[in-house]
Amino acid sequence: MITVTLTIPEISCDACANSIQRVLAKTGGVSEVDVNVNKKQVTLDYDESETNEQVIRDILTEAGFPPA
């Protein structure tokens, strides 16, 4: 498992956090997801044999939450 923290400037509310959690929950290999609205950060664990950071960044961007 790899843990990564991404800064997402567009996180502004709990609804954003819920959207991010939903989209990442559908991503194969992603397990734990923690969204911190105040810090505008997402911390998640993923299995590097199933996905990678670039795929996760692309998914977040497509969902309207591009990482900085």
PDB file of N, CA and C in Angstrom:
ATOM      1  N   MET A   1       0.839  -1.186   0.000  1.00  0.00           N
ATOM      2  CA  MET A   1       0.000   0.000   0.000  1.00  0.00           C
ATOM      3  C   MET A   1       0.881   1.245   0.000  1.00  0.00           C
ATOM      4  N   ILE A   2       0.431   2.220  -0.757  1.00  0.00           N
ATOM      5  CA  ILE A   2       1.094   3.516  -0.801  1.00  0.00           C
ATOM      6  C   ILE A   2       0.107   4.546  -0.278  1.00  0.00           C
ATOM      7  N   THR A   3       0.588   5.457   0.543  1.00  0.00           N
ATOM      8  CA  THR A   3      -0.226   6.557   1.046  1.00  0.00           C
ATOM      9  C   THR A   3       0.237   7.834   0.371  1.00  0.00           C
ATOM     10  N   VAL A   4      -0.723   8.600  -0.124  1.00  0.00           N
ATOM     11  CA  VAL A   4      -0.408   9.849  -0.791  1.00  0.00           C
ATOM     12  C   VAL A   4      -1.367  10.927  -0.286  1.00  0.00           C
ATOM     13  N   THR A   5      -0.861  12.153  -0.163  1.00  0.00           N
ATOM     14  CA  THR A   5      -1.687  13.295   0.182  1.00  0.00           C
ATOM     15  C   THR A   5      -1.630  14.278  -0.970  1.00  0.00           C
ATOM     16  N   LEU A   6      -2.809  14.643  -1.465  1.00  0.00           N
ATOM     17  CA  LEU A   6      -2.918  15.558  -2.583  1.00  0.00           C
ATOM     18  C   LEU A   6      -3.640  16.826  -2.146  1.00  0.00           C
ATOM     19  N   THR A   7      -3.156  17.968  -2.585  1.00  0.00           N
ATOM     20  CA  THR A   7      -3.833  19.236  -2.325  1.00  0.00           C
ATOM     21  C   THR A   7      -4.827  19.475  -3.446  1.00  0.00           C
ATOM     22  N   ILE A   8      -6.066  19.757  -3.056  1.00  0.00           N
ATOM     23  CA  ILE A   8      -7.147  19.977  -4.014  1.00  0.00           C
ATOM     24  C   ILE A   8      -7.751  21.359  -3.724  1.00  0.00           C
ATOM     25  N   PRO A   9      -7.311  22.399  -4.429  1.00  0.00           N
ATOM     26  CA  PRO A   9      -7.786  23.763  -4.132  1.00  0.00           C
ATOM     27  C   PRO A   9      -9.303  23.937  -4.232  1.00  0.00           C
ATOM     28  N   GLU A  10      -9.988  23.129  -5.037  1.00  0.00           N
ATOM     29  CA  GLU A  10     -11.421  23.294  -5.250  1.00  0.00           C
ATOM     30  C   GLU A  10     -12.286  22.725  -4.126  1.00  0.00           C
ATOM     31  N   ILE A  11     -11.696  22.079  -3.130  1.00  0.00           N
ATOM     32  CA  ILE A  11     -12.493  21.570  -2.010  1.00  0.00           C
ATOM     33  C   ILE A  11     -12.952  22.772  -1.192  1.00  0.00           C
ATOM     34  N   SER A  12     -14.271  22.943  -1.093  1.00  0.00           N
ATOM     35  CA  SER A  12     -14.776  24.100  -0.348  1.00  0.00           C
ATOM     36  C   SER A  12     -15.868  23.742   0.655  1.00  0.00           C
ATOM     37  N   CYS A  13     -16.354  22.499   0.620  1.00  0.00           N
ATOM     38  CA  CYS A  13     -17.453  22.155   1.510  1.00  0.00           C
ATOM     39  C   CYS A  13     -17.533  20.636   1.699  1.00  0.00           C
ATOM     40  N   ASP A  14     -18.433  20.236   2.585  1.00  0.00           N
ATOM     41  CA  ASP A  14     -18.611  18.806   2.841  1.00  0.00           C
ATOM     42  C   ASP A  14     -19.164  18.069   1.630  1.00  0.00           C
ATOM     43  N   ALA A  15     -19.961  18.754   0.810  1.00  0.00           N
ATOM     44  CA  ALA A  15     -20.480  18.116  -0.400  1.00  0.00           C
ATOM     45  C   ALA A  15     -19.333  17.770  -1.347  1.00  0.00           C
ATOM     46  N   CYS A  16     -18.333  18.653  -1.440  1.00  0.00           N
ATOM     47  CA  CYS A  16     -17.145  18.368  -2.254  1.00  0.00           C
ATOM     48  C   CYS A  16     -16.436  17.127  -1.706  1.00  0.00           C
ATOM     49  N   ALA A  17     -16.271  17.095  -0.402  1.00  0.00           N
ATOM     50  CA  ALA A  17     -15.603  15.964   0.236  1.00  0.00           C
ATOM     51  C   ALA A  17     -16.350  14.664  -0.057  1.00  0.00           C
ATOM     52  N   ASN A  18     -17.673  14.704   0.026  1.00  0.00           N
ATOM     53  CA  ASN A  18     -18.474  13.506  -0.259  1.00  0.00           C
ATOM     54  C   ASN A  18     -18.319  13.079  -1.711  1.00  0.00           C
ATOM     55  N   SER A  19     -18.307  14.028  -2.632  1.00  0.00           N
ATOM     56  CA  SER A  19     -18.131  13.712  -4.050  1.00  0.00           C
ATOM     57  C   SER A  19     -16.788  13.041  -4.290  1.00  0.00           C
ATOM     58  N   ILE A  20     -15.746  13.578  -3.681  1.00  0.00           N
ATOM     59  CA  ILE A  20     -14.402  13.014  -3.833  1.00  0.00           C
ATOM     60  C   ILE A  20     -14.362  11.596  -3.266  1.00  0.00           C
ATOM     61  N   GLN A  21     -14.936  11.402  -2.095  1.00  0.00           N
ATOM     62  CA  GLN A  21     -14.949  10.066  -1.505  1.00  0.00           C
ATOM     63  C   GLN A  21     -15.702   9.074  -2.372  1.00  0.00           C
ATOM     64  N   ARG A  22     -16.817   9.498  -2.956  1.00  0.00           N
ATOM     65  CA  ARG A  22     -17.594   8.598  -3.815  1.00  0.00           C
ATOM     66  C   ARG A  22     -16.815   8.198  -5.058  1.00  0.00           C
ATOM     67  N   VAL A  23     -16.192   9.171  -5.720  1.00  0.00           N
ATOM     68  CA  VAL A  23     -15.475   8.860  -6.955  1.00  0.00           C
ATOM     69  C   VAL A  23     -14.252   7.982  -6.677  1.00  0.00           C
ATOM     70  N   LEU A  24     -13.567   8.225  -5.573  1.00  0.00           N
ATOM     71  CA  LEU A  24     -12.394   7.408  -5.255  1.00  0.00           C
ATOM     72  C   LEU A  24     -12.781   6.020  -4.766  1.00  0.00           C
ATOM     73  N   ALA A  25     -13.955   5.897  -4.144  1.00  0.00           N
ATOM     74  CA  ALA A  25     -14.420   4.587  -3.687  1.00  0.00           C
ATOM     75  C   ALA A  25     -14.664   3.644  -4.870  1.00  0.00           C
ATOM     76  N   LYS A  26     -14.954   4.216  -6.036  1.00  0.00           N
ATOM     77  CA  LYS A  26     -15.194   3.420  -7.243  1.00  0.00           C
ATOM     78  C   LYS A  26     -13.896   3.055  -7.959  1.00  0.00           C
ATOM     79  N   THR A  27     -12.773   3.572  -7.485  1.00  0.00           N
ATOM     80  CA  THR A  27     -11.485   3.355  -8.132  1.00  0.00           C
ATOM     81  C   THR A  27     -10.835   2.101  -7.578  1.00  0.00           C
ATOM     82  N   GLY A  28     -10.576   1.142  -8.435  1.00  0.00           N
ATOM     83  CA  GLY A  28      -9.953  -0.102  -8.016  1.00  0.00           C
ATOM     84  C   GLY A  28      -8.588   0.134  -7.399  1.00  0.00           C
ATOM     85  N   GLY A  29      -8.349  -0.489  -6.269  1.00  0.00           N
ATOM     86  CA  GLY A  29      -7.066  -0.384  -5.599  1.00  0.00           C
ATOM     87  C   GLY A  29      -7.007   0.681  -4.522  1.00  0.00           C
ATOM     88  N   VAL A  30      -7.982   1.594  -4.507  1.00  0.00           N
ATOM     89  CA  VAL A  30      -8.010   2.651  -3.491  1.00  0.00           C
ATOM     90  C   VAL A  30      -8.757   2.125  -2.278  1.00  0.00           C
ATOM     91  N   SER A  31      -8.142   2.263  -1.103  1.00  0.00           N
ATOM     92  CA  SER A  31      -8.822   1.789   0.100  1.00  0.00           C
ATOM     93  C   SER A  31      -9.240   2.966   0.972  1.00  0.00           C
ATOM     94  N   GLU A  32      -8.410   3.400   1.862  1.00  0.00           N
ATOM     95  CA  GLU A  32      -8.766   4.478   2.782  1.00  0.00           C
ATOM     96  C   GLU A  32      -8.718   5.830   2.081  1.00  0.00           C
ATOM     97  N   VAL A  33      -9.749   6.651   2.292  1.00  0.00           N
ATOM     98  CA  VAL A  33      -9.783   8.006   1.748  1.00  0.00           C
ATOM     99  C   VAL A  33     -10.196   8.944   2.868  1.00  0.00           C
ATOM    100  N   ASP A  34      -9.384   9.968   3.116  1.00  0.00           N
ATOM    101  CA  ASP A  34      -9.699  10.980   4.119  1.00  0.00           C
ATOM    102  C   ASP A  34      -9.629  12.343   3.442  1.00  0.00           C
ATOM    103  N   VAL A  35     -10.730  13.080   3.466  1.00  0.00           N
ATOM    104  CA  VAL A  35     -10.780  14.402   2.858  1.00  0.00           C
ATOM    105  C   VAL A  35     -10.829  15.433   3.977  1.00  0.00           C
ATOM    106  N   ASN A  36      -9.873  16.358   3.974  1.00  0.00           N
ATOM    107  CA  ASN A  36      -9.828  17.437   4.954  1.00  0.00           C
ATOM    108  C   ASN A  36     -10.208  18.726   4.238  1.00  0.00           C
ATOM    109  N   VAL A  37     -11.430  19.194   4.488  1.00  0.00           N
ATOM    110  CA  VAL A  37     -11.943  20.390   3.821  1.00  0.00           C
ATOM    111  C   VAL A  37     -11.132  21.614   4.228  1.00  0.00           C
ATOM    112  N   ASN A  38     -10.793  21.735   5.499  1.00  0.00           N
ATOM    113  CA  ASN A  38     -10.064  22.920   5.981  1.00  0.00           C
ATOM    114  C   ASN A  38      -8.679  23.050   5.353  1.00  0.00           C
ATOM    115  N   LYS A  39      -7.981  21.937   5.200  1.00  0.00           N
ATOM    116  CA  LYS A  39      -6.639  21.952   4.601  1.00  0.00           C
ATOM    117  C   LYS A  39      -6.675  21.815   3.087  1.00  0.00           C
ATOM    118  N   LYS A  40      -7.878  21.523   2.539  1.00  0.00           N
ATOM    119  CA  LYS A  40      -8.048  21.289   1.102  1.00  0.00           C
ATOM    120  C   LYS A  40      -7.133  20.152   0.622  1.00  0.00           C
ATOM    121  N   GLN A  41      -7.160  19.048   1.400  1.00  0.00           N
ATOM    122  CA  GLN A  41      -6.299  17.904   1.101  1.00  0.00           C
ATOM    123  C   GLN A  41      -7.079  16.594   1.117  1.00  0.00           C
ATOM    124  N   VAL A  42      -6.603  15.667   0.306  1.00  0.00           N
ATOM    125  CA  VAL A  42      -7.117  14.301   0.289  1.00  0.00           C
ATOM    126  C   VAL A  42      -5.939  13.380   0.570  1.00  0.00           C
ATOM    127  N   THR A  43      -6.088  12.522   1.566  1.00  0.00           N
ATOM    128  CA  THR A  43      -5.084  11.509   1.865  1.00  0.00           C
ATOM    129  C   THR A  43      -5.727  10.161   1.594  1.00  0.00           C
ATOM    130  N   LEU A  44      -5.021   9.338   0.833  1.00  0.00           N
ATOM    131  CA  LEU A  44      -5.587   8.039   0.505  1.00  0.00           C
ATOM    132  C   LEU A  44      -4.510   6.976   0.414  1.00  0.00           C
ATOM    133  N   ASP A  45      -4.943   5.742   0.602  1.00  0.00           N
ATOM    134  CA  ASP A  45      -4.087   4.571   0.441  1.00  0.00           C
ATOM    135  C   ASP A  45      -4.503   3.860  -0.831  1.00  0.00           C
ATOM    136  N   TYR A  46      -3.509   3.402  -1.598  1.00  0.00           N
ATOM    137  CA  TYR A  46      -3.833   2.630  -2.790  1.00  0.00           C
ATOM    138  C   TYR A  46      -2.824   1.513  -2.991  1.00  0.00           C
ATOM    139  N   ASP A  47      -3.306   0.482  -3.666  1.00  0.00           N
ATOM    140  CA  ASP A  47      -2.484  -0.676  -3.989  1.00  0.00           C
ATOM    141  C   ASP A  47      -1.824  -0.416  -5.334  1.00  0.00           C
ATOM    142  N   GLU A  48      -0.506  -0.300  -5.335  1.00  0.00           N
ATOM    143  CA  GLU A  48       0.233   0.053  -6.549  1.00  0.00           C
ATOM    144  C   GLU A  48       0.154  -1.017  -7.638  1.00  0.00           C
ATOM    145  N   SER A  49      -0.321  -2.210  -7.301  1.00  0.00           N
ATOM    146  CA  SER A  49      -0.490  -3.234  -8.330  1.00  0.00           C
ATOM    147  C   SER A  49      -1.816  -3.050  -9.090  1.00  0.00           C
ATOM    148  N   GLU A  50      -2.702  -2.183  -8.580  1.00  0.00           N
ATOM    149  CA  GLU A  50      -3.997  -1.966  -9.214  1.00  0.00           C
ATOM    150  C   GLU A  50      -4.168  -0.575  -9.822  1.00  0.00           C
ATOM    151  N   THR A  51      -3.455   0.411  -9.294  1.00  0.00           N
ATOM    152  CA  THR A  51      -3.576   1.776  -9.791  1.00  0.00           C
ATOM    153  C   THR A  51      -2.305   2.532  -9.466  1.00  0.00           C
ATOM    154  N   ASN A  52      -2.250   3.797  -9.862  1.00  0.00           N
ATOM    155  CA  ASN A  52      -1.088   4.613  -9.526  1.00  0.00           C
ATOM    156  C   ASN A  52      -1.540   6.052  -9.316  1.00  0.00           C
ATOM    157  N   GLU A  53      -0.617   6.883  -8.858  1.00  0.00           N
ATOM    158  CA  GLU A  53      -0.981   8.260  -8.512  1.00  0.00           C
ATOM    159  C   GLU A  53      -1.491   9.041  -9.713  1.00  0.00           C
ATOM    160  N   GLN A  54      -0.932   8.817 -10.879  1.00  0.00           N
ATOM    161  CA  GLN A  54      -1.384   9.574 -12.054  1.00  0.00           C
ATOM    162  C   GLN A  54      -2.821   9.228 -12.413  1.00  0.00           C
ATOM    163  N   VAL A  55      -3.191   7.968 -12.307  1.00  0.00           N
ATOM    164  CA  VAL A  55      -4.574   7.566 -12.574  1.00  0.00           C
ATOM    165  C   VAL A  55      -5.509   8.251 -11.582  1.00  0.00           C
ATOM    166  N   ILE A  56      -5.119   8.286 -10.321  1.00  0.00           N
ATOM    167  CA  ILE A  56      -5.933   8.925  -9.284  1.00  0.00           C
ATOM    168  C   ILE A  56      -6.066  10.420  -9.575  1.00  0.00           C
ATOM    169  N   ARG A  57      -4.965  11.063  -9.950  1.00  0.00           N
ATOM    170  CA  ARG A  57      -5.010  12.487 -10.305  1.00  0.00           C
ATOM    171  C   ARG A  57      -5.943  12.722 -11.492  1.00  0.00           C
ATOM    172  N   ASP A  58      -5.880  11.858 -12.487  1.00  0.00           N
ATOM    173  CA  ASP A  58      -6.748  11.990 -13.662  1.00  0.00           C
ATOM    174  C   ASP A  58      -8.223  11.833 -13.283  1.00  0.00           C
ATOM    175  N   ILE A  59      -8.519  10.881 -12.424  1.00  0.00           N
ATOM    176  CA  ILE A  59      -9.904  10.650 -11.983  1.00  0.00           C
ATOM    177  C   ILE A  59     -10.424  11.866 -11.226  1.00  0.00           C
ATOM    178  N   LEU A  60      -9.602  12.414 -10.347  1.00  0.00           N
ATOM    179  CA  LEU A  60     -10.019  13.603  -9.597  1.00  0.00           C
ATOM    180  C   LEU A  60     -10.232  14.794 -10.533  1.00  0.00           C
ATOM    181  N   THR A  61      -9.369  14.948 -11.505  1.00  0.00           N
ATOM    182  CA  THR A  61      -9.499  16.037 -12.474  1.00  0.00           C
ATOM    183  C   THR A  61     -10.801  15.894 -13.268  1.00  0.00           C
ATOM    184  N   GLU A  62     -11.086  14.690 -13.728  1.00  0.00           N
ATOM    185  CA  GLU A  62     -12.320  14.443 -14.470  1.00  0.00           C
ATOM    186  C   GLU A  62     -13.564  14.716 -13.618  1.00  0.00           C
ATOM    187  N   ALA A  63     -13.450  14.528 -12.304  1.00  0.00           N
ATOM    188  CA  ALA A  63     -14.565  14.763 -11.401  1.00  0.00           C
ATOM    189  C   ALA A  63     -14.708  16.243 -11.030  1.00  0.00           C
ATOM    190  N   GLY A  64     -13.785  17.076 -11.517  1.00  0.00           N
ATOM    191  CA  GLY A  64     -13.858  18.507 -11.241  1.00  0.00           C
ATOM    192  C   GLY A  64     -13.032  18.956 -10.058  1.00  0.00           C
ATOM    193  N   PHE A  65     -12.147  18.092  -9.585  1.00  0.00           N
ATOM    194  CA  PHE A  65     -11.300  18.407  -8.439  1.00  0.00           C
ATOM    195  C   PHE A  65      -9.836  18.153  -8.768  1.00  0.00           C
ATOM    196  N   PRO A  66      -9.260  18.961  -9.681  1.00  0.00           N
ATOM    197  CA  PRO A  66      -7.870  18.725 -10.076  1.00  0.00           C
ATOM    198  C   PRO A  66      -6.887  18.995  -8.938  1.00  0.00           C
ATOM    199  N   PRO A  67      -5.982  18.058  -8.698  1.00  0.00           N
ATOM    200  CA  PRO A  67      -4.951  18.276  -7.682  1.00  0.00           C
ATOM    201  C   PRO A  67      -3.974  19.371  -8.120  1.00  0.00           C
ATOM    202  N   ALA A  68      -3.455  20.086  -7.151  1.00  0.00           N
ATOM    203  CA  ALA A  68      -2.474  21.148  -7.439  1.00  0.00           C
ATOM    204  C   ALA A  68      -1.135  20.519  -7.755  1.00  0.00           C
TER     205      ALA A  68
END
